[in-house]
Amino acid sequence: MKTLRAILLGALLAMGLTACGKTLPPRQTATATPTKPTAILAPTATATPNPTPSPTPTPSPTPTPTAVSLRDKISSNDKAVFSGETYKDYTIVKPGQKFIKTWRLTNTGSTTWNTAYFLHREAVQGHPLASAERVPLPTQVTPGETVAISVAMKAPEKTGIYSERWTLRNSKGQIVPVGMGRYVWVIIRSCAPAGPCPSIPTNPVSEGGATDQGITMKLLNFTTKNGEADASVCIVNPPTPRHMPFLPTELLLDDKSIDISGETYIRPGCYVLSFPVDSAQVQAAHSVKIVIGQIRIPGGPPDADAACEKAHDVLVKRYPGLDFVCHFSMAGYYTNLKLPAGMTKQQADQIITDAVEGAIYGHWVLEVRSK
């Protein structure tokens, strides 16, 4: 099986060989990483400017769920809806303060959730908040019941906006969809009460356009033909001309999610995103939206070694004990990896890859139609 690195490099080579040829985007690894996302497709909680979080006692440590292989597959029998949370989006938390993030999820599927179900951290934006990557459900949840799932977290010492996104997984490692999407998330502002605090970014979601993480995307056109839907999308202000939409990118037809099948380069920042779906399915849907989960430079920037050195300088300070030697090849960006305590090689590789490739996790929702 091809590694993520090989697939990313293949995508870059394919784009370099043909500016108009269609290439399939590499699959995102399902293993969680302690680095990024803005999380994303669950119903959005209303952001509350400058709220004062109340102290919450730290819960007793929860047992780590039994290891289970993660799958990109969406469970067909499990369903959930978002029912509430603590620490709503952009809550202010003091640097270094410990807090408990709790999501309330209602079981709307046909199966009973047991304690083999678990929350799994998919990605991190800025710096990890939770030390755990998997948190099991605290109790059995029958259809119609609501469960509160709590995760112990700690605000970073450095002032800034930090977020993580999580998925609910069943005992088979399949994703339990939440509403029309698959994620729940936490976004906080870490800052001292008397000091400057990051402002809440605007995140307008309107027909044909969306802005998140300071990046704006526009939907130029949407067509269906021969069992395929094509969306022409431009990143209005990409960090670099090589940044492109990346996984997870999906088409939402009401509550049905369809993963991207291909991507065609048009010009810097602009692409045609393709989805395998019949025209009749699109016409029958009340709501048609395109959701983009992140952008990055597949295969890295032109000078991968220079980008790796820059990432190295940042990461070895952020993660004491982490070290590596930058050397770009078909095997990857680096060699001689040294791991800090508690970090796996897979996690380190994702951290380094995200930094080198300028990954930005967000939640760009482009509305095609809403009846």
Protein backbone atom coordinates (compact mmCIF):
# COMPACT_ATOMS: atom_id res chain seq x y z
CA MET A 1 0.00 0.00 0.00
CA LYS A 2 1.32 3.41 -0.85
CA THR A 3 2.27 5.64 2.04
CA LEU A 4 0.78 9.12 2.48
CA ARG A 5 4.20 10.55 1.60
CA ALA A 6 4.37 8.65 -1.71
CA ILE A 7 0.83 9.67 -2.60
CA LEU A 8 1.54 13.33 -1.81
CA LEU A 9 4.70 13.29 -3.92
CA GLY A 10 2.82 11.58 -6.72
CA ALA A 11 0.16 14.29 -6.63
CA LEU A 12 2.84 16.99 -6.92
CA LEU A 13 4.53 15.25 -9.85
CA ALA A 14 1.19 14.81 -11.58
CA MET A 15 0.37 18.53 -11.23
CA GLY A 16 3.82 19.43 -12.56
CA LEU A 17 3.46 17.20 -15.62
CA THR A 18 0.07 18.46 -16.67
CA ALA A 19 -1.64 21.69 -15.73
CA CYS A 20 -5.02 20.57 -17.01
CA GLY A 21 -5.00 16.86 -16.25
CA LYS A 22 -7.24 15.50 -13.50
CA THR A 23 -5.50 14.00 -10.47
CA LEU A 24 -6.95 12.30 -7.45
CA PRO A 25 -6.14 13.96 -4.12
CA PRO A 26 -4.24 11.84 -1.63
CA ARG A 27 -6.23 10.27 1.15
CA GLN A 28 -5.91 11.88 4.55
CA THR A 29 -4.57 9.57 7.22
CA ALA A 30 -7.20 8.55 9.70
CA THR A 31 -4.76 8.55 12.64
CA ALA A 32 -5.17 11.57 14.86
CA THR A 33 -2.24 13.96 15.22
CA PRO A 34 -1.34 16.36 17.97
CA THR A 35 -1.02 19.26 15.57
CA LYS A 36 -3.91 20.91 13.95
CA PRO A 37 -7.71 21.51 12.71
CA THR A 38 -10.01 23.62 12.96
CA ALA A 39 -12.65 21.26 13.33
CA ILE A 40 -15.55 21.10 11.45
CA LEU A 41 -18.80 19.78 10.16
CA ALA A 42 -20.93 19.42 13.24
CA PRO A 43 -23.58 22.10 13.88
CA THR A 44 -21.78 25.31 14.80
CA ALA A 45 -22.23 26.63 18.31
CA THR A 46 -22.75 30.38 18.61
CA ALA A 47 -19.46 32.09 19.41
CA THR A 48 -19.60 34.15 22.60
CA PRO A 49 -17.17 37.09 22.79
CA ASN A 50 -15.08 37.33 25.96
CA PRO A 51 -17.05 34.87 28.14
CA THR A 52 -15.60 34.01 31.53
CA PRO A 53 -15.26 30.23 31.85
CA SER A 54 -16.17 28.88 35.24
CA PRO A 55 -13.70 26.54 36.97
CA THR A 56 -14.45 22.90 36.32
CA PRO A 57 -13.00 20.05 38.35
CA THR A 58 -10.68 17.68 36.52
CA PRO A 59 -12.37 14.29 36.05
CA SER A 60 -10.74 11.05 37.05
CA PRO A 61 -8.50 9.60 34.33
CA THR A 62 -10.46 7.52 31.87
CA PRO A 63 -9.18 4.20 30.56
CA THR A 64 -7.71 4.15 27.08
CA PRO A 65 -10.03 2.34 24.66
CA THR A 66 -8.82 -0.94 23.26
CA ALA A 67 -6.82 -0.34 20.10
CA VAL A 68 -8.98 -0.58 17.01
CA SER A 69 -8.17 0.17 13.39
CA LEU A 70 -9.59 3.49 12.22
CA ARG A 71 -11.51 3.59 8.97
CA ASP A 72 -12.56 6.39 6.67
CA LYS A 73 -15.89 4.60 6.24
CA ILE A 74 -19.02 6.24 7.62
CA SER A 75 -21.16 3.91 9.70
CA SER A 76 -24.48 3.17 8.01
CA ASN A 77 -26.39 2.35 11.21
CA ASP A 78 -24.94 4.89 13.64
CA LYS A 79 -26.11 8.52 13.67
CA ALA A 80 -25.81 11.40 16.11
CA VAL A 81 -26.82 15.02 16.47
CA PHE A 82 -25.04 17.76 18.40
CA SER A 83 -27.04 18.71 21.52
CA GLY A 84 -24.79 21.11 23.41
CA GLU A 85 -21.29 21.83 24.74
CA THR A 86 -19.20 23.62 27.33
CA TYR A 87 -16.55 26.16 26.36
CA LYS A 88 -18.26 27.41 23.24
CA ASP A 89 -16.28 28.62 20.24
CA TYR A 90 -13.67 31.28 21.05
CA THR A 91 -14.13 31.10 24.84
CA ILE A 92 -11.25 32.88 26.62
CA VAL A 93 -9.11 30.59 28.78
CA LYS A 94 -6.12 31.73 30.81
CA PRO A 95 -2.73 30.50 29.53
CA GLY A 96 -1.85 27.22 31.20
CA GLN A 97 -5.35 26.79 32.68
CA LYS A 98 -6.80 23.29 32.79
CA PHE A 99 -10.40 22.93 31.65
CA ILE A 100 -12.93 20.26 30.71
CA LYS A 101 -14.47 20.35 27.25
CA THR A 102 -17.78 18.49 27.11
CA TRP A 103 -19.89 17.68 24.07
CA ARG A 104 -23.47 16.43 24.36
CA LEU A 105 -24.42 14.06 21.55
CA THR A 106 -27.81 12.40 20.99
CA ASN A 107 -28.00 8.91 19.51
CA THR A 108 -30.38 9.20 16.53
CA GLY A 109 -29.36 5.94 14.86
CA SER A 110 -30.64 2.39 15.16
CA THR A 111 -27.82 0.94 17.26
CA THR A 112 -26.93 1.20 20.93
CA TRP A 113 -23.60 2.85 21.64
CA ASN A 114 -21.47 1.06 24.25
CA THR A 115 -18.21 1.96 25.96
CA ALA A 116 -16.27 0.55 23.00
CA TYR A 117 -17.38 3.70 21.12
CA PHE A 118 -14.95 6.57 21.53
CA LEU A 119 -14.07 10.12 20.59
CA HIS A 120 -10.96 10.27 18.42
CA ARG A 121 -8.85 13.38 17.87
CA GLU A 122 -8.41 13.93 14.15
CA ALA A 123 -6.38 17.11 13.93
CA VAL A 124 -5.01 20.09 15.87
CA GLN A 125 -4.57 23.73 14.94
CA GLY A 126 -1.75 25.57 16.69
CA HIS A 127 -0.92 23.34 19.68
CA PRO A 128 -2.49 20.27 21.33
CA LEU A 129 -5.11 21.00 23.97
CA ALA A 130 -5.89 17.46 25.13
CA SER A 131 -3.28 14.93 26.22
CA ALA A 132 -5.55 12.03 25.27
CA GLU A 133 -6.25 11.10 21.67
CA ARG A 134 -9.02 8.61 22.34
CA VAL A 135 -11.72 9.02 24.96
CA PRO A 136 -14.28 6.20 25.46
CA LEU A 137 -17.96 6.85 26.02
CA PRO A 138 -18.66 6.87 29.76
CA THR A 139 -21.81 4.77 29.50
CA GLN A 140 -24.13 2.88 27.17
CA VAL A 141 -26.36 5.11 25.03
CA THR A 142 -29.53 3.67 23.50
CA PRO A 143 -31.27 5.28 20.50
CA GLY A 144 -32.90 8.54 21.58
CA GLU A 145 -30.64 9.03 24.60
CA THR A 146 -28.08 11.83 25.00
CA VAL A 147 -24.59 11.39 26.42
CA ALA A 148 -22.09 13.95 27.75
CA ILE A 149 -18.52 13.16 26.65
CA SER A 150 -15.81 15.09 28.50
CA VAL A 151 -12.16 15.57 27.59
CA ALA A 152 -9.53 17.09 29.92
CA MET A 153 -7.64 19.90 28.20
CA LYS A 154 -5.11 22.61 28.97
CA ALA A 155 -4.72 26.02 27.33
CA PRO A 156 -1.26 26.68 25.82
CA GLU A 157 0.95 29.21 27.59
CA LYS A 158 1.33 31.30 24.45
CA THR A 159 -1.44 33.77 23.56
CA GLY A 160 -3.38 32.68 20.49
CA ILE A 161 -6.37 30.83 19.02
CA TYR A 162 -6.21 27.04 19.30
CA SER A 163 -8.55 24.30 18.16
CA GLU A 164 -8.97 20.57 17.80
CA ARG A 165 -11.51 18.49 15.90
CA TRP A 166 -12.74 15.07 16.93
CA THR A 167 -14.88 12.28 15.48
CA LEU A 168 -17.13 9.82 17.25
CA ARG A 169 -16.15 6.28 16.27
CA ASN A 170 -17.95 2.97 16.78
CA SER A 171 -16.37 -0.28 18.00
CA LYS A 172 -15.26 -1.06 14.42
CA GLY A 173 -13.43 2.24 14.06
CA GLN A 174 -16.06 3.62 11.67
CA ILE A 175 -17.07 7.27 11.84
CA VAL A 176 -20.44 8.06 13.41
CA PRO A 177 -21.88 11.02 11.44
CA VAL A 178 -22.90 14.03 13.51
CA GLY A 179 -25.73 15.92 11.86
CA MET A 180 -24.76 16.60 8.24
CA GLY A 181 -21.07 16.20 8.96
CA ARG A 182 -18.70 14.12 10.99
CA TYR A 183 -16.83 16.38 13.42
CA VAL A 184 -17.18 18.03 16.80
CA TRP A 185 -14.55 20.55 17.83
CA VAL A 186 -13.17 22.95 20.39
CA ILE A 187 -11.86 26.47 19.71
CA ILE A 188 -10.43 28.62 22.49
CA ARG A 189 -8.57 31.90 22.84
CA SER A 190 -5.64 31.58 25.25
CA CYS A 191 -4.87 34.97 26.80
CA ALA A 192 -4.48 36.69 30.16
CA PRO A 193 -7.57 38.60 31.37
CA ALA A 194 -5.66 41.89 31.55
CA GLY A 195 -3.62 41.33 28.41
CA PRO A 196 -4.39 41.57 24.69
CA CYS A 197 -6.58 38.75 23.42
CA PRO A 198 -6.99 37.58 19.79
CA SER A 199 -10.19 38.90 18.23
CA ILE A 200 -12.84 36.50 17.04
CA PRO A 201 -12.31 36.05 13.28
CA THR A 202 -15.19 36.68 10.94
CA ASN A 203 -16.51 33.53 9.33
CA PRO A 204 -19.26 34.51 6.90
CA VAL A 205 -21.02 31.65 5.20
CA SER A 206 -23.08 32.78 2.26
CA GLU A 207 -24.07 31.54 -1.14
CA GLY A 208 -21.02 30.91 -3.24
CA GLY A 209 -18.40 31.89 -0.68
CA ALA A 210 -16.93 31.27 2.78
CA THR A 211 -14.08 32.58 4.93
CA ASP A 212 -12.24 30.79 7.72
CA GLN A 213 -8.76 31.11 9.19
CA GLY A 214 -8.44 34.32 7.15
CA ILE A 215 -8.76 32.33 3.91
CA THR A 216 -11.67 33.07 1.55
CA MET A 217 -13.00 30.63 -1.02
CA LYS A 218 -15.45 31.31 -3.82
CA LEU A 219 -17.67 28.92 -5.74
CA LEU A 220 -17.67 30.04 -9.39
CA ASN A 221 -19.73 27.30 -11.01
CA PHE A 222 -21.42 23.97 -10.31
CA THR A 223 -22.48 21.50 -13.02
CA THR A 224 -23.58 17.86 -13.23
CA LYS A 225 -23.05 15.58 -16.20
CA ASN A 226 -22.42 11.89 -16.92
CA GLY A 227 -22.60 10.76 -13.31
CA GLU A 228 -20.29 13.50 -12.02
CA ALA A 229 -20.71 16.86 -10.32
CA ASP A 230 -18.02 19.48 -10.96
CA ALA A 231 -17.51 22.56 -8.77
CA SER A 232 -15.20 25.38 -9.87
CA VAL A 233 -13.64 26.78 -6.70
CA CYS A 234 -11.03 29.51 -6.19
CA ILE A 235 -9.02 30.33 -3.09
CA VAL A 236 -9.23 34.11 -3.23
CA ASN A 237 -6.21 34.76 -0.99
CA PRO A 238 -4.09 31.60 -0.80
CA PRO A 239 -0.98 31.73 1.38
CA THR A 240 0.94 30.61 -1.71
CA PRO A 241 -0.19 29.91 -5.31
CA ARG A 242 0.46 26.22 -4.70
CA HIS A 243 -2.02 25.83 -1.86
CA MET A 244 -4.99 23.71 -2.91
CA PRO A 245 -8.10 22.15 -1.31
CA PHE A 246 -7.26 18.93 0.49
CA LEU A 247 -9.05 16.15 2.31
CA PRO A 248 -11.54 16.14 3.86
CA THR A 249 -13.44 17.72 0.97
CA GLU A 250 -16.98 16.53 0.37
CA LEU A 251 -20.30 17.26 -1.29
CA LEU A 252 -23.28 17.30 1.08
CA LEU A 253 -26.68 16.40 -0.36
CA ASP A 254 -28.97 16.95 2.63
CA ASP A 255 -27.53 14.39 5.11
CA LYS A 256 -25.63 12.35 2.50
CA SER A 257 -21.88 12.89 2.26
CA ILE A 258 -20.00 12.24 -0.99
CA ASP A 259 -16.19 12.34 -0.94
CA ILE A 260 -14.21 14.12 -3.64
CA SER A 261 -13.03 11.87 -6.48
CA GLY A 262 -10.76 14.20 -8.43
CA GLU A 263 -9.31 17.67 -8.77
CA THR A 264 -8.35 19.59 -11.93
CA TYR A 265 -6.00 22.59 -11.88
CA ILE A 266 -7.36 25.68 -13.65
CA ARG A 267 -4.97 28.46 -12.60
CA PRO A 268 -3.18 29.43 -9.37
CA GLY A 269 -5.65 29.08 -6.53
CA CYS A 270 -8.47 27.76 -8.75
CA TYR A 271 -9.58 24.17 -9.24
CA VAL A 272 -12.46 22.03 -10.46
CA LEU A 273 -13.49 19.64 -7.69
CA SER A 274 -15.25 16.49 -8.92
CA PHE A 275 -17.69 14.26 -7.06
CA PRO A 276 -19.20 10.92 -8.23
CA VAL A 277 -22.93 11.65 -8.10
CA ASP A 278 -25.85 11.47 -10.52
CA SER A 279 -27.63 14.61 -11.63
CA ALA A 280 -30.91 13.16 -10.35
CA GLN A 281 -29.48 12.88 -6.82
CA VAL A 282 -28.37 16.50 -6.89
CA GLN A 283 -31.75 17.68 -8.15
CA ALA A 284 -33.61 15.70 -5.50
CA ALA A 285 -31.61 17.18 -2.61
CA HIS A 286 -33.06 20.14 -0.71
CA SER A 287 -29.63 21.33 0.35
CA VAL A 288 -26.46 21.09 -1.75
CA LYS A 289 -23.17 22.23 -0.20
CA ILE A 290 -19.46 21.75 -0.71
CA VAL A 291 -17.38 21.49 2.46
CA ILE A 292 -13.58 21.85 2.37
CA GLY A 293 -11.68 20.79 5.49
CA GLN A 294 -8.17 22.03 4.78
CA ILE A 295 -5.74 23.47 2.25
CA ARG A 296 -2.07 22.60 1.82
CA ILE A 297 0.76 22.26 -0.71
CA PRO A 298 0.72 18.60 -1.80
CA GLY A 299 4.28 17.34 -2.02
CA GLY A 300 5.59 20.49 -0.37
CA PRO A 301 6.88 23.80 -1.76
CA PRO A 302 9.48 23.94 -4.59
CA ASP A 303 12.38 24.10 -2.12
CA ALA A 304 11.31 21.31 0.21
CA ASP A 305 14.58 21.28 2.15
CA ALA A 306 14.32 25.00 2.94
CA ALA A 307 10.70 24.58 4.02
CA CYS A 308 11.72 21.61 6.17
CA GLU A 309 14.51 23.61 7.85
CA LYS A 310 12.05 26.38 8.66
CA ALA A 311 9.61 23.84 10.09
CA HIS A 312 12.43 22.24 12.06
CA ASP A 313 13.33 25.50 13.80
CA VAL A 314 9.73 25.94 14.93
CA LEU A 315 8.89 22.35 15.88
CA VAL A 316 11.95 21.53 17.99
CA LYS A 317 11.07 24.50 20.20
CA ARG A 318 7.39 23.62 20.35
CA TYR A 319 7.99 19.93 21.12
CA PRO A 320 11.06 19.51 23.40
CA GLY A 321 12.84 16.28 22.56
CA LEU A 322 11.72 16.23 18.92
CA ASP A 323 14.52 16.42 16.34
CA PHE A 324 15.16 15.39 12.75
CA VAL A 325 17.51 16.08 9.85
CA CYS A 326 15.95 17.63 6.74
CA HIS A 327 16.70 15.65 3.61
CA PHE A 328 14.05 15.60 0.88
CA SER A 329 13.75 12.36 -1.09
CA MET A 330 11.10 9.95 -2.31
CA ALA A 331 11.13 8.52 1.21
CA GLY A 332 10.04 11.80 2.78
CA TYR A 333 11.23 15.18 4.01
CA TYR A 334 13.60 14.10 6.75
CA THR A 335 15.82 11.42 8.31
CA ASN A 336 17.26 10.68 11.78
CA LEU A 337 14.01 11.25 13.63
CA LYS A 338 14.20 11.57 17.42
CA LEU A 339 10.94 11.41 19.35
CA PRO A 340 9.96 13.13 22.58
CA ALA A 341 8.35 11.05 25.31
CA GLY A 342 4.76 10.12 24.48
CA MET A 343 4.93 10.89 20.75
CA THR A 344 4.75 8.17 18.10
CA LYS A 345 6.59 8.19 14.78
CA GLN A 346 3.28 8.50 12.95
CA GLN A 347 2.31 11.55 15.00
CA ALA A 348 5.70 13.16 14.44
CA ASP A 349 5.49 12.54 10.71
CA GLN A 350 2.09 14.24 10.56
CA ILE A 351 3.37 17.21 12.58
CA ILE A 352 6.38 17.64 10.28
CA THR A 353 4.38 17.10 7.10
CA ASP A 354 1.74 19.65 8.13
CA ALA A 355 4.44 22.23 8.90
CA VAL A 356 6.40 21.68 5.68
CA GLU A 357 3.31 21.68 3.48
CA GLY A 358 1.73 24.72 5.14
CA ALA A 359 -1.44 22.85 6.13
CA ILE A 360 -4.30 25.09 7.24
CA TYR A 361 -7.35 23.35 8.69
CA GLY A 362 -10.64 25.18 8.39
CA HIS A 363 -14.32 24.89 7.65
CA TRP A 364 -15.22 26.34 4.27
CA VAL A 365 -18.88 25.73 3.39
CA LEU A 366 -19.85 26.71 -0.16
CA GLU A 367 -23.60 26.69 -0.63
CA VAL A 368 -24.76 25.53 -4.04
CA ARG A 369 -28.48 25.44 -3.31
CA SER A 370 -30.83 25.55 -0.35
CA LYS A 371 -34.54 24.98 -0.99
